[in-house]
Amino acid sequence: MEMAMRVTLMAVVALAVGTPAAAQVSYGPVFEDFGPVADVPDTDFAIPEGASFHVAFDVSRAAEEGKLNRGFESAARLINMHARAGVPPMENRAAVVVHGPAVLDLLTDAAWVARDRGEANPSGAMVRAMIDQGVRFIVCGQSAAGPGVAKAELIPGVEIALSAMTAHALLQQQGYTVNPF
């Protein structure tokens, strides 16, 4: 009982002190329909002039049914937020290394339908738009082999590597850092 009172008291104090206003989340400037970001006007950790970002994202979790793959969308967020902060879009290089169940989120619409997953891949248009902006999608060949995903079933522009481990090692040698989120 005493613990419940402490939790309630802490909640009342937090409300009395106030909480910061909710950040306005919006899209763009590169991807207008996905990759939401919030503007942060009072940053103390400045982005140096001429900075560039080469970031690899590791995505193994499949999208929730009917939704965009959130791991893929993280790469779009990286590009949108840094473009808003003044970093030219082509200085924001992203590579999405995909393995496990998330591989199926890179199927063409025809392959999606053929595998009885629905009418169209919900992440398909997003992936195509990201590829058009230079985002690399690299599939783990080991993960693709499990469910029998052939290169022809993948959205055009998606690359296949021997493995996700191989892709990450090579990307790191090319100056990419792995995003932990």
Protein backbone atom coordinates (compact mmCIF):
# COMPACT_ATOMS: atom_id res chain seq x y z
CA MET A 1 0.00 0.00 0.00
CA GLU A 2 2.81 2.39 0.89
CA MET A 3 4.44 1.78 -2.54
CA ALA A 4 1.19 2.69 -4.33
CA MET A 5 1.02 5.94 -2.38
CA ARG A 6 4.62 6.80 -3.36
CA VAL A 7 3.90 6.16 -7.02
CA THR A 8 0.75 8.31 -6.85
CA LEU A 9 2.64 11.08 -5.05
CA MET A 10 5.42 11.00 -7.66
CA ALA A 11 2.83 11.26 -10.44
CA VAL A 12 1.18 14.26 -8.75
CA VAL A 13 4.55 15.99 -8.32
CA ALA A 14 5.43 15.38 -11.97
CA LEU A 15 2.14 16.93 -13.07
CA ALA A 16 2.55 19.88 -10.71
CA VAL A 17 6.07 20.60 -11.97
CA GLY A 18 4.90 20.26 -15.53
CA THR A 19 6.07 18.31 -18.49
CA PRO A 20 7.51 19.64 -21.71
CA ALA A 21 5.06 20.34 -24.48
CA ALA A 22 4.69 17.49 -26.93
CA ALA A 23 6.94 17.89 -29.93
CA GLN A 24 5.32 18.52 -33.28
CA VAL A 25 6.05 15.58 -35.54
CA SER A 26 5.99 16.08 -39.28
CA TYR A 27 7.40 14.66 -42.51
CA GLY A 28 9.90 15.74 -45.13
CA PRO A 29 11.76 17.33 -46.68
CA VAL A 30 13.02 14.23 -48.51
CA PHE A 31 10.27 11.72 -47.69
CA GLU A 32 6.89 13.43 -47.40
CA ASP A 33 4.76 10.37 -46.57
CA PHE A 34 6.93 8.50 -44.05
CA GLY A 35 9.95 8.99 -41.81
CA PRO A 36 8.36 11.35 -39.25
CA VAL A 37 10.66 13.65 -37.28
CA ALA A 38 10.39 16.43 -34.75
CA ASP A 39 12.30 19.69 -35.05
CA VAL A 40 14.63 20.26 -32.10
CA PRO A 41 15.55 23.96 -32.06
CA ASP A 42 17.68 24.11 -28.91
CA THR A 43 20.30 21.44 -29.48
CA ASP A 44 23.61 21.78 -27.67
CA PHE A 45 25.29 18.91 -29.53
CA ALA A 46 25.82 20.67 -32.86
CA ILE A 47 26.28 18.99 -36.20
CA PRO A 48 29.60 20.27 -37.58
CA GLU A 49 29.57 22.01 -40.94
CA GLY A 50 30.38 19.53 -43.68
CA ALA A 51 29.28 16.54 -41.60
CA SER A 52 28.14 13.44 -43.41
CA PHE A 53 26.45 10.36 -42.10
CA HIS A 54 26.96 6.80 -43.29
CA VAL A 55 24.65 4.71 -41.16
CA ALA A 56 23.72 1.04 -41.38
CA PHE A 57 20.46 -0.17 -39.89
CA ASP A 58 20.03 -3.79 -38.83
CA VAL A 59 16.44 -4.91 -39.36
CA SER A 60 15.19 -8.38 -38.52
CA ARG A 61 11.71 -7.63 -37.21
CA ALA A 62 8.90 -7.87 -39.76
CA ALA A 63 6.31 -5.13 -40.02
CA GLU A 64 3.07 -5.43 -38.13
CA GLU A 65 0.32 -6.66 -40.43
CA GLY A 66 -0.80 -3.92 -42.82
CA LYS A 67 1.81 -1.41 -41.58
CA LEU A 68 5.15 -0.04 -42.73
CA ASN A 69 8.27 -1.75 -41.48
CA ARG A 70 9.44 0.53 -38.65
CA GLY A 71 13.06 -0.52 -39.03
CA PHE A 72 13.04 0.55 -42.67
CA GLU A 73 11.33 3.79 -41.73
CA SER A 74 14.14 4.58 -39.27
CA ALA A 75 16.48 5.08 -42.23
CA ALA A 76 13.99 7.55 -43.73
CA ARG A 77 13.87 9.38 -40.40
CA LEU A 78 17.67 9.70 -40.41
CA ILE A 79 17.56 11.32 -43.83
CA ASN A 80 14.59 13.60 -43.10
CA MET A 81 15.92 14.86 -39.76
CA HIS A 82 19.41 15.61 -41.01
CA ALA A 83 18.14 17.23 -44.22
CA ARG A 84 16.04 19.51 -42.00
CA ALA A 85 19.14 20.30 -39.98
CA GLY A 86 20.96 21.43 -43.12
CA VAL A 87 22.91 18.29 -44.04
CA PRO A 88 22.50 17.73 -47.80
CA PRO A 89 20.47 14.54 -48.46
CA MET A 90 23.29 12.81 -50.32
CA GLU A 91 25.52 13.31 -47.28
CA ASN A 92 23.01 11.17 -45.38
CA ARG A 93 23.78 7.71 -46.64
CA ALA A 94 21.79 4.87 -45.23
CA ALA A 95 22.05 1.14 -45.73
CA VAL A 96 19.40 -1.18 -44.36
CA VAL A 97 20.67 -4.70 -43.72
CA VAL A 98 17.65 -7.00 -43.63
CA HIS A 99 17.53 -10.51 -42.22
CA GLY A 100 15.12 -12.86 -40.50
CA PRO A 101 11.37 -12.39 -41.00
CA ALA A 102 11.85 -8.81 -42.25
CA VAL A 103 13.14 -10.18 -45.58
CA LEU A 104 9.53 -10.75 -46.63
CA ASP A 105 8.86 -7.00 -46.27
CA LEU A 106 11.07 -6.51 -49.35
CA LEU A 107 8.93 -8.64 -51.66
CA THR A 108 7.45 -7.15 -54.82
CA ASP A 109 3.69 -6.79 -54.77
CA ALA A 110 3.39 -9.78 -57.13
CA ALA A 111 5.51 -11.97 -54.84
CA TRP A 112 3.56 -10.67 -51.82
CA VAL A 113 0.29 -11.75 -53.44
CA ALA A 114 1.75 -15.09 -54.60
CA ARG A 115 2.67 -15.87 -50.99
CA ASP A 116 -0.91 -15.09 -49.84
CA ARG A 117 0.21 -12.12 -47.74
CA GLY A 118 -2.42 -9.69 -49.07
CA GLU A 119 -3.05 -7.44 -52.04
CA ALA A 120 0.17 -5.39 -51.88
CA ASN A 121 3.29 -5.12 -49.76
CA PRO A 122 2.52 -2.26 -47.31
CA SER A 123 6.22 -1.31 -47.20
CA GLY A 124 6.75 -1.61 -50.95
CA ALA A 125 6.15 2.01 -52.01
CA MET A 126 8.28 3.28 -49.12
CA VAL A 127 11.17 0.97 -50.05
CA ARG A 128 11.00 1.98 -53.71
CA ALA A 129 11.03 5.70 -52.80
CA MET A 130 13.98 5.17 -50.46
CA ILE A 131 15.95 3.26 -53.11
CA ASP A 132 15.26 6.13 -55.53
CA GLN A 133 16.90 8.46 -52.97
CA GLY A 134 20.00 6.28 -52.65
CA VAL A 135 19.13 4.18 -49.60
CA ARG A 136 20.59 0.70 -49.94
CA PHE A 137 18.59 -2.36 -48.90
CA ILE A 138 20.79 -5.41 -48.47
CA VAL A 139 19.20 -8.79 -47.81
CA CYS A 140 20.92 -11.56 -45.91
CA GLY A 141 21.20 -14.42 -48.38
CA GLN A 142 21.04 -16.92 -45.52
CA SER A 143 17.71 -15.48 -44.34
CA ALA A 144 16.33 -15.37 -47.88
CA ALA A 145 17.19 -19.04 -48.40
CA GLY A 146 15.03 -20.18 -45.47
CA PRO A 147 11.64 -19.15 -46.91
CA GLY A 148 12.94 -19.62 -50.46
CA VAL A 149 12.98 -15.95 -51.45
CA ALA A 150 14.56 -15.55 -54.90
CA LYS A 151 16.18 -12.32 -56.14
CA ALA A 152 13.41 -12.01 -58.75
CA GLU A 153 10.86 -11.73 -55.91
CA LEU A 154 12.58 -8.73 -54.34
CA ILE A 155 11.80 -5.10 -55.08
CA PRO A 156 14.12 -3.92 -57.88
CA GLY A 157 17.25 -2.34 -56.43
CA VAL A 158 17.38 -4.57 -53.35
CA GLU A 159 20.78 -6.24 -53.07
CA ILE A 160 21.54 -9.73 -51.77
CA ALA A 161 24.64 -10.41 -49.67
CA LEU A 162 26.08 -13.74 -48.62
CA SER A 163 24.88 -12.93 -45.11
CA ALA A 164 23.89 -10.02 -42.88
CA MET A 165 27.19 -10.53 -41.04
CA THR A 166 29.05 -10.11 -44.32
CA ALA A 167 27.08 -7.00 -45.25
CA HIS A 168 27.69 -5.34 -41.87
CA ALA A 169 31.42 -6.14 -41.97
CA LEU A 170 31.82 -4.71 -45.46
CA LEU A 171 29.71 -1.63 -44.71
CA GLN A 172 31.80 -0.96 -41.61
CA GLN A 173 34.95 -1.12 -43.75
CA GLN A 174 33.30 1.48 -46.01
CA GLY A 175 32.83 3.86 -43.08
CA TYR A 176 29.26 3.03 -42.07
CA THR A 177 28.38 2.98 -38.39
CA VAL A 178 25.64 0.69 -37.09
CA ASN A 179 22.65 2.52 -35.68
CA PRO A 180 21.71 0.92 -32.35
CA PHE A 181 18.04 1.90 -32.64
